[in-house]
C-alpha atoms as a PDB file:
ATOM      1  CA  MET A   1      63.541 -12.784 -68.099  1.00  0.00           C
ATOM      2  CA  ASP A   2      64.130 -12.296 -64.569  1.00  0.00           C
ATOM      3  CA  ILE A   3      62.620  -8.635 -63.048  1.00  0.00           C
ATOM      4  CA  ASN A   4      63.944  -7.771 -59.875  1.00  0.00           C
ATOM      5  CA  LEU A   5      61.923  -6.442 -57.040  1.00  0.00           C
ATOM      6  CA  SER A   6      62.670  -2.472 -57.422  1.00  0.00           C
ATOM      7  CA  THR A   7      61.446  -3.019 -61.095  1.00  0.00           C
ATOM      8  CA  TRP A   8      57.842  -4.559 -59.914  1.00  0.00           C
ATOM      9  CA  MET A   9      57.874  -1.607 -57.297  1.00  0.00           C
ATOM     10  CA  MET A  10      58.175   0.818 -59.921  1.00  0.00           C
ATOM     11  CA  ILE A  11      55.442  -1.000 -62.131  1.00  0.00           C
ATOM     12  CA  PHE A  12      52.952  -0.947 -59.471  1.00  0.00           C
ATOM     13  CA  PHE A  13      53.704   2.526 -58.141  1.00  0.00           C
ATOM     14  CA  LEU A  14      53.339   3.975 -61.721  1.00  0.00           C
ATOM     15  CA  LEU A  15      50.147   1.913 -62.074  1.00  0.00           C
ATOM     16  CA  SER A  16      48.689   3.081 -58.591  1.00  0.00           C
ATOM     17  CA  LEU A  17      49.716   6.643 -59.433  1.00  0.00           C
ATOM     18  CA  THR A  18      47.642   6.735 -62.919  1.00  0.00           C
ATOM     19  CA  ILE A  19      44.702   5.317 -61.116  1.00  0.00           C
ATOM     20  CA  ALA A  20      44.789   7.905 -58.390  1.00  0.00           C
ATOM     21  CA  ILE A  21      45.316  10.772 -60.949  1.00  0.00           C
ATOM     22  CA  TRP A  22      42.304   9.302 -62.819  1.00  0.00           C
ATOM     23  CA  LYS A  23      40.125   9.033 -59.826  1.00  0.00           C
ATOM     24  CA  ILE A  24      40.949  12.699 -58.949  1.00  0.00           C
ATOM     25  CA  TYR A  25      40.483  13.939 -62.058  1.00  0.00           C
ATOM     26  CA  VAL A  26      36.843  12.315 -62.406  1.00  0.00           C
ATOM     27  CA  PHE A  27      35.703  14.202 -59.365  1.00  0.00           C
ATOM     28  CA  LEU A  28      37.099  17.862 -60.223  1.00  0.00           C
ATOM     29  CA  PRO A  29      34.438  20.160 -61.493  1.00  0.00           C
ATOM     30  CA  ASN A  30      35.273  20.981 -65.148  1.00  0.00           C
ATOM     31  CA  LYS A  31      32.346  22.955 -65.929  1.00  0.00           C
ATOM     32  CA  THR A  32      30.766  26.049 -64.328  1.00  0.00           C
ATOM     33  CA  LEU A  33      28.382  25.352 -61.564  1.00  0.00           C
ATOM     34  CA  ARG A  34      24.687  26.749 -61.680  1.00  0.00           C
ATOM     35  CA  ASP A  35      25.087  28.716 -58.510  1.00  0.00           C
ATOM     36  CA  ASP A  36      28.630  29.842 -59.031  1.00  0.00           C
ATOM     37  CA  ASP A  37      28.725  33.689 -58.320  1.00  0.00           C
ATOM     38  CA  THR A  38      32.280  34.326 -59.496  1.00  0.00           C
ATOM     39  CA  THR A  39      31.762  34.180 -63.311  1.00  0.00           C
ATOM     40  CA  GLN A  40      31.676  37.475 -65.159  1.00  0.00           C
ATOM     41  CA  GLU A  41      28.063  37.152 -65.994  1.00  0.00           C
ATOM     42  CA  ALA A  42      27.196  37.067 -62.152  1.00  0.00           C
ATOM     43  CA  ILE A  43      29.551  39.856 -61.502  1.00  0.00           C
ATOM     44  CA  GLN A  44      27.659  42.042 -64.021  1.00  0.00           C
ATOM     45  CA  LYS A  45      24.290  40.925 -62.816  1.00  0.00           C
ATOM     46  CA  LEU A  46      25.170  41.926 -59.420  1.00  0.00           C
ATOM     47  CA  SER A  47      26.552  45.365 -60.459  1.00  0.00           C
ATOM     48  CA  ASN A  48      23.515  46.056 -62.253  1.00  0.00           C
ATOM     49  CA  ILE A  49      21.315  45.048 -59.144  1.00  0.00           C
ATOM     50  CA  MET A  50      23.613  47.339 -57.120  1.00  0.00           C
ATOM     51  CA  LEU A  51      23.362  50.287 -59.427  1.00  0.00           C
ATOM     52  CA  THR A  52      19.646  49.847 -59.661  1.00  0.00           C
ATOM     53  CA  CYS A  53      19.468  50.049 -55.878  1.00  0.00           C
ATOM     54  CA  VAL A  54      21.563  53.099 -55.609  1.00  0.00           C
ATOM     55  CA  GLN A  55      19.689  54.928 -58.214  1.00  0.00           C
ATOM     56  CA  GLN A  56      16.239  54.140 -56.815  1.00  0.00           C
ATOM     57  CA  SER A  57      17.275  55.474 -53.349  1.00  0.00           C
ATOM     58  CA  GLU A  58      16.443  58.866 -52.428  1.00  0.00           C
ATOM     59  CA  LYS A  59      19.184  59.195 -49.907  1.00  0.00           C
ATOM     60  CA  LYS A  60      22.924  58.227 -49.799  1.00  0.00           C
ATOM     61  CA  LEU A  61      22.894  54.436 -48.662  1.00  0.00           C
ATOM     62  CA  SER A  62      25.321  53.016 -46.280  1.00  0.00           C
ATOM     63  CA  GLU A  63      27.065  49.683 -47.091  1.00  0.00           C
ATOM     64  CA  GLU A  64      24.559  47.836 -44.746  1.00  0.00           C
ATOM     65  CA  GLU A  65      21.621  49.745 -46.240  1.00  0.00           C
ATOM     66  CA  LEU A  66      22.822  48.854 -49.772  1.00  0.00           C
ATOM     67  CA  PHE A  67      23.217  45.171 -48.794  1.00  0.00           C
ATOM     68  CA  GLN A  68      19.692  44.988 -47.406  1.00  0.00           C
ATOM     69  CA  ALA A  69      18.270  46.827 -50.696  1.00  0.00           C
ATOM     70  CA  MET A  70      20.155  44.458 -52.587  1.00  0.00           C
ATOM     71  CA  LEU A  71      18.794  41.405 -50.799  1.00  0.00           C
ATOM     72  CA  SER A  72      15.134  42.492 -51.445  1.00  0.00           C
ATOM     73  CA  HIS A  73      15.689  43.318 -54.886  1.00  0.00           C
ATOM     74  CA  LYS A  74      13.278  41.848 -57.401  1.00  0.00           C
ATOM     75  CA  ASP A  75      15.980  40.694 -59.632  1.00  0.00           C
ATOM     76  CA  PHE A  76      18.294  39.021 -56.860  1.00  0.00           C
ATOM     77  CA  ASP A  77      18.414  35.449 -56.921  1.00  0.00           C
ATOM     78  CA  GLU A  78      18.766  33.812 -53.435  1.00  0.00           C
ATOM     79  CA  LYS A  79      19.324  30.382 -55.063  1.00  0.00           C
ATOM     80  CA  LYS A  80      22.182  31.622 -57.264  1.00  0.00           C
ATOM     81  CA  PHE A  81      23.765  34.146 -55.058  1.00  0.00           C
ATOM     82  CA  TRP A  82      23.581  32.335 -51.710  1.00  0.00           C
ATOM     83  CA  ARG A  83      27.037  33.349 -50.689  1.00  0.00           C
ATOM     84  CA  PHE A  84      26.424  36.815 -51.144  1.00  0.00           C
ATOM     85  CA  ASN A  85      27.557  38.668 -47.970  1.00  0.00           C
ATOM     86  CA  GLN A  86      28.815  41.942 -46.724  1.00  0.00           C
ATOM     87  CA  ASN A  87      32.461  41.041 -47.672  1.00  0.00           C
ATOM     88  CA  ARG A  88      31.118  40.049 -51.285  1.00  0.00           C
ATOM     89  CA  LEU A  89      29.309  43.555 -51.509  1.00  0.00           C
ATOM     90  CA  LYS A  90      32.639  45.347 -50.489  1.00  0.00           C
ATOM     91  CA  ASN A  91      34.570  43.333 -53.138  1.00  0.00           C
ATOM     92  CA  LEU A  92      32.054  44.190 -55.654  1.00  0.00           C
ATOM     93  CA  LEU A  93      32.111  47.854 -54.942  1.00  0.00           C
ATOM     94  CA  GLU A  94      35.811  47.927 -54.998  1.00  0.00           C
ATOM     95  CA  HIS A  95      35.746  46.083 -58.546  1.00  0.00           C
ATOM     96  CA  TYR A  96      33.191  48.752 -59.790  1.00  0.00           C
ATOM     97  CA  TYR A  97      35.231  51.675 -58.285  1.00  0.00           C
ATOM     98  CA  LEU A  98      38.368  50.436 -59.814  1.00  0.00           C
ATOM     99  CA  GLN A  99      36.904  49.493 -63.273  1.00  0.00           C
ATOM    100  CA  HIS A 100      35.237  52.936 -63.662  1.00  0.00           C
ATOM    101  CA  ASN A 101      37.730  55.217 -62.187  1.00  0.00           C
ATOM    102  CA  SER A 102      40.371  53.630 -64.430  1.00  0.00           C
ATOM    103  CA  ARG A 103      38.762  55.254 -67.351  1.00  0.00           C
ATOM    104  CA  LEU A 104      38.984  58.580 -65.812  1.00  0.00           C
ATOM    105  CA  VAL A 105      42.843  58.583 -65.477  1.00  0.00           C
END
């Protein structure tokens, strides 16, 4: 049985492709991380903190003041929400606004 060069090349290519896919799969995260703030539970917790800060305030808060109030809130976990910034707050406000105004329509 004589196997030509192109067959050997195809065998080694498929073998190396299989090994490469396996190595990539091993390093892909397949479970949620502890500090993942994009999960539904994390969004709900941030929304609750946001609403608590707004309700406890005596005056209307600007985005900067709301951001600072949320950072200093007792339930705010700095290790879990280490990526929380003003952009994330804007997204959270927009998400909350769209979610609750769609019920009114």
